[in-house]
Amino acid sequence: MITAIPRTWAGPSRRPTRRCLEKNIYEVYKPSGTSWRRVYEVQMKKGPLRRAVHLDTYEEARATKARWLANGIPVRDAAPIATLVPDHPATVDDGLRLYGVDLASRGAPSADQIKSLRSVVAAILPGLSAKPLSHVTPADIFAYARARAETPPVQAWRAKRQVKVNPSTIAHELTGLRAMLRSHLGPKFDFPAKAIPKPNNLRYRVLEPDELRRARVVARRRNH
């Protein structure tokens, strides 16, 4: 039932106060002719990731909130998952696709990395790619980290060499996966930090003859 509150003839009276009914659901009023129309707002996240929708009934608002919590918050300018397959639970692949679209719409340089991560997850661990977001567990994250470490890069396959994936690469991928999961499921998701390997920051540099002589002098001083 839609409720309207009359406004004054000369113009809109003061807007009724926005009221929180429960977490993420608010009672708000929108101008409607000469009155204020009461609607129910579902709002989640803040800043660029903020999503909100106005519904006519409290029951619709609660159903929408439950759907967003179960399947993930829809991304702006992306095709809703429900339009692809009715009652289709959002999968990890869907989450990466929508998260990549959201990053690209905001001009984030990491959008290409998420696009690449989506392909890697589907190739290395298809079961995780097809798994509903709400069913992902810390064990799935550890399984991906192990599978990624055991799968040599494409260049190694072509050269028929035994080459391991750099831990830094796995760390970057798991960080992107964590950001995607938390963007859809919220901070409540228990992402295992121990699954992220310590990046290998060792770097090599060829010294010029003068630099090499100075380095040797410094080394001798430290040894004496």
Protein backbone atom coordinates (compact mmCIF):
# COMPACT_ATOMS: atom_id res chain seq x y z
CA MET A 1 0.00 0.00 0.00
CA ILE A 2 1.43 3.37 -1.03
CA THR A 3 1.11 6.08 1.62
CA ALA A 4 1.06 9.79 0.73
CA ILE A 5 1.41 12.76 3.10
CA PRO A 6 -0.19 16.04 1.89
CA ARG A 7 2.01 19.04 1.14
CA THR A 8 1.10 22.73 1.38
CA TRP A 9 -0.50 24.45 -1.62
CA ALA A 10 2.39 26.91 -1.99
CA GLY A 11 4.96 24.15 -2.40
CA PRO A 12 6.44 21.13 -0.72
CA SER A 13 6.42 21.15 3.05
CA ARG A 14 9.38 19.87 4.97
CA ARG A 15 10.30 16.36 3.87
CA PRO A 16 9.49 13.73 6.53
CA THR A 17 12.51 12.33 8.31
CA ARG A 18 14.31 9.36 6.77
CA ARG A 19 14.01 6.44 9.17
CA CYS A 20 16.04 3.25 9.45
CA LEU A 21 13.78 0.23 9.81
CA GLU A 22 16.56 -2.35 9.94
CA LYS A 23 20.11 -2.64 8.68
CA ASN A 24 20.27 -1.53 4.99
CA ILE A 25 16.52 -0.73 4.79
CA TYR A 26 15.14 2.79 5.24
CA GLU A 27 11.75 4.46 5.12
CA VAL A 28 12.05 7.55 2.90
CA TYR A 29 9.67 9.97 1.21
CA LYS A 30 9.72 11.15 -2.40
CA PRO A 31 7.82 14.11 -3.88
CA SER A 32 4.61 13.06 -5.62
CA GLY A 33 2.39 15.88 -6.91
CA THR A 34 1.12 17.74 -3.85
CA SER A 35 2.20 15.11 -1.36
CA TRP A 36 5.10 12.99 -0.18
CA ARG A 37 5.06 9.32 -1.19
CA ARG A 38 6.51 6.81 1.24
CA VAL A 39 8.89 4.24 -0.27
CA TYR A 40 11.36 1.74 1.14
CA GLU A 41 15.02 2.12 0.25
CA VAL A 42 17.50 -0.74 0.22
CA GLN A 43 21.01 0.69 0.46
CA MET A 44 24.30 -1.15 0.72
CA LYS A 45 27.93 -0.02 0.65
CA LYS A 46 29.21 3.55 0.50
CA GLY A 47 31.10 5.72 -1.93
CA PRO A 48 31.63 4.46 -5.52
CA LEU A 49 30.31 1.00 -4.59
CA ARG A 50 27.06 2.35 -3.12
CA ARG A 51 23.90 0.67 -4.45
CA ALA A 52 20.35 1.73 -3.60
CA VAL A 53 16.87 0.97 -4.89
CA HIS A 54 13.42 2.29 -3.92
CA LEU A 55 10.51 -0.14 -3.54
CA ASP A 56 6.83 0.33 -2.74
CA THR A 57 6.51 -2.17 0.08
CA TYR A 58 8.56 -3.25 3.07
CA GLU A 59 8.21 -6.90 2.00
CA GLU A 60 9.78 -6.12 -1.41
CA ALA A 61 12.63 -4.28 0.30
CA ARG A 62 13.37 -7.23 2.60
CA ALA A 63 13.24 -9.67 -0.30
CA THR A 64 15.64 -7.48 -2.32
CA LYS A 65 18.05 -7.21 0.61
CA ALA A 66 18.03 -10.99 1.07
CA ARG A 67 18.68 -11.49 -2.65
CA TRP A 68 21.59 -9.05 -2.66
CA LEU A 69 23.15 -10.71 0.37
CA ALA A 70 22.79 -14.17 -1.17
CA ASN A 71 23.72 -13.44 -4.79
CA GLY A 72 25.84 -10.31 -4.55
CA ILE A 73 25.08 -6.63 -5.02
CA PRO A 74 24.33 -5.78 -8.68
CA VAL A 75 26.98 -3.65 -10.37
CA ARG A 76 26.00 -0.40 -12.04
CA ASP A 77 25.82 -0.52 -15.88
CA ALA A 78 26.14 -4.32 -15.92
CA ALA A 79 23.49 -6.75 -17.13
CA PRO A 80 21.71 -8.21 -14.10
CA ILE A 81 22.44 -11.88 -13.55
CA ALA A 82 18.72 -12.56 -13.25
CA THR A 83 18.24 -11.50 -16.87
CA LEU A 84 20.62 -14.23 -18.01
CA VAL A 85 19.15 -17.21 -16.18
CA PRO A 86 16.10 -16.92 -13.87
CA ASP A 87 16.88 -17.69 -10.23
CA HIS A 88 20.53 -18.21 -11.17
CA PRO A 89 22.81 -17.80 -8.13
CA ALA A 90 25.74 -15.50 -8.82
CA THR A 91 28.91 -17.54 -9.31
CA VAL A 92 32.55 -16.59 -8.84
CA ASP A 93 32.78 -16.11 -12.60
CA ASP A 94 29.78 -13.76 -12.48
CA GLY A 95 31.32 -11.89 -9.57
CA LEU A 96 34.62 -11.36 -11.39
CA ARG A 97 32.82 -10.26 -14.55
CA LEU A 98 30.63 -7.73 -12.72
CA TYR A 99 33.49 -6.50 -10.54
CA GLY A 100 35.60 -5.95 -13.67
CA VAL A 101 32.79 -3.97 -15.29
CA ASP A 102 32.47 -1.83 -12.18
CA LEU A 103 36.21 -1.10 -12.10
CA ALA A 104 36.25 -0.27 -15.81
CA SER A 105 33.30 2.13 -15.40
CA ARG A 106 35.33 4.01 -12.79
CA GLY A 107 38.49 4.01 -14.90
CA ALA A 108 40.41 1.79 -12.47
CA PRO A 109 43.61 0.37 -14.01
CA SER A 110 43.04 -2.94 -12.18
CA ALA A 111 40.04 -3.73 -14.43
CA ASP A 112 42.30 -5.54 -16.92
CA GLN A 113 43.87 -7.57 -14.10
CA ILE A 114 40.44 -8.75 -12.95
CA LYS A 115 39.55 -9.68 -16.53
CA SER A 116 42.72 -11.75 -16.76
CA LEU A 117 42.07 -13.29 -13.32
CA ARG A 118 38.64 -14.41 -14.48
CA SER A 119 40.20 -16.40 -17.33
CA VAL A 120 42.88 -17.89 -15.08
CA VAL A 121 40.39 -19.08 -12.45
CA ALA A 122 38.18 -20.69 -15.12
CA ALA A 123 41.17 -22.48 -16.66
CA ILE A 124 42.89 -23.67 -13.48
CA LEU A 125 39.96 -24.39 -11.16
CA PRO A 126 36.67 -24.62 -13.13
CA GLY A 127 34.85 -25.85 -10.04
CA LEU A 128 35.61 -22.60 -8.19
CA SER A 129 34.69 -20.50 -11.22
CA ALA A 130 31.22 -22.11 -11.36
CA LYS A 131 30.66 -22.08 -7.60
CA PRO A 132 27.99 -19.71 -6.16
CA LEU A 133 29.52 -16.75 -4.37
CA SER A 134 27.59 -17.47 -1.20
CA HIS A 135 29.08 -21.00 -1.07
CA VAL A 136 32.75 -20.01 -1.32
CA THR A 137 34.77 -21.08 1.73
CA PRO A 138 38.36 -20.46 2.90
CA ALA A 139 39.16 -24.01 1.76
CA ASP A 140 38.35 -22.95 -1.83
CA ILE A 141 40.86 -20.12 -1.56
CA PHE A 142 43.61 -22.44 -0.34
CA ALA A 143 42.73 -24.90 -3.13
CA TYR A 144 43.13 -22.17 -5.75
CA ALA A 145 46.46 -21.04 -4.27
CA ARG A 146 47.79 -24.63 -4.41
CA ALA A 147 46.50 -25.27 -7.93
CA ARG A 148 47.96 -21.98 -9.16
CA ALA A 149 51.37 -22.75 -7.65
CA GLU A 150 51.41 -26.19 -9.29
CA THR A 151 50.39 -24.95 -12.74
CA PRO A 152 53.35 -23.66 -14.80
CA PRO A 153 52.92 -20.50 -16.92
CA VAL A 154 52.00 -20.80 -20.59
CA GLN A 155 55.53 -19.83 -21.58
CA ALA A 156 56.86 -22.84 -19.67
CA TRP A 157 54.46 -25.19 -21.44
CA ARG A 158 55.63 -23.97 -24.81
CA ALA A 159 59.30 -24.22 -23.91
CA LYS A 160 58.73 -27.54 -22.11
CA ARG A 161 60.48 -26.22 -19.04
CA GLN A 162 59.68 -26.68 -15.34
CA VAL A 163 58.95 -23.14 -14.23
CA LYS A 164 56.96 -22.20 -11.11
CA VAL A 165 54.57 -19.30 -10.95
CA ASN A 166 56.09 -16.34 -9.13
CA PRO A 167 54.59 -16.02 -5.62
CA SER A 168 54.04 -12.32 -6.35
CA THR A 169 51.71 -13.27 -9.21
CA ILE A 170 49.67 -15.55 -6.95
CA ALA A 171 49.58 -12.86 -4.26
CA HIS A 172 48.23 -10.29 -6.75
CA GLU A 173 45.57 -12.72 -8.00
CA LEU A 174 44.40 -13.66 -4.52
CA THR A 175 44.27 -9.99 -3.55
CA GLY A 176 42.01 -9.33 -6.55
CA LEU A 177 39.85 -12.33 -5.65
CA ARG A 178 39.55 -11.05 -2.09
CA ALA A 179 38.50 -7.60 -3.26
CA MET A 180 35.83 -9.10 -5.53
CA LEU A 181 34.41 -11.36 -2.80
CA ARG A 182 34.24 -8.55 -0.29
CA SER A 183 32.63 -6.19 -2.81
CA HIS A 184 29.78 -8.67 -3.28
CA LEU A 185 29.59 -10.42 0.09
CA GLY A 186 30.80 -7.62 2.34
CA PRO A 187 33.57 -7.67 4.95
CA LYS A 188 31.87 -10.60 6.72
CA PHE A 189 33.55 -13.01 4.29
CA ASP A 190 36.41 -14.73 6.12
CA PHE A 191 39.19 -14.57 3.56
CA PRO A 192 42.21 -16.57 4.76
CA ALA A 193 45.15 -14.18 4.78
CA LYS A 194 47.55 -17.12 5.17
CA ALA A 195 46.61 -18.30 1.68
CA ILE A 196 48.37 -15.27 0.16
CA PRO A 197 52.06 -16.13 -0.31
CA LYS A 198 54.72 -13.66 0.60
CA PRO A 199 55.80 -11.89 -2.59
CA ASN A 200 59.35 -12.38 -3.78
CA ASN A 201 60.75 -8.86 -3.89
CA LEU A 202 64.30 -9.96 -4.76
CA ARG A 203 65.62 -7.91 -7.67
CA TYR A 204 68.87 -8.16 -9.65
CA ARG A 205 70.88 -5.33 -11.15
CA VAL A 206 74.04 -5.31 -13.26
CA LEU A 207 76.55 -2.83 -11.84
CA GLU A 208 78.82 -0.61 -13.88
CA PRO A 209 82.60 -1.05 -13.24
CA ASP A 210 82.76 2.09 -11.06
CA GLU A 211 79.70 1.00 -9.07
CA LEU A 212 81.18 -2.48 -8.59
CA ARG A 213 84.45 -1.03 -7.24
CA ARG A 214 82.56 1.19 -4.78
CA ALA A 215 80.42 -1.74 -3.67
CA ARG A 216 83.56 -3.79 -2.99
CA VAL A 217 85.05 -0.97 -0.95
CA VAL A 218 81.89 -0.69 1.17
CA ALA A 219 81.80 -4.48 1.65
CA ARG A 220 85.42 -4.56 2.84
CA ARG A 221 84.75 -1.75 5.33
CA ARG A 222 81.77 -3.61 6.75
CA ASN A 223 83.83 -6.79 7.15
CA HIS A 224 86.56 -5.04 9.16
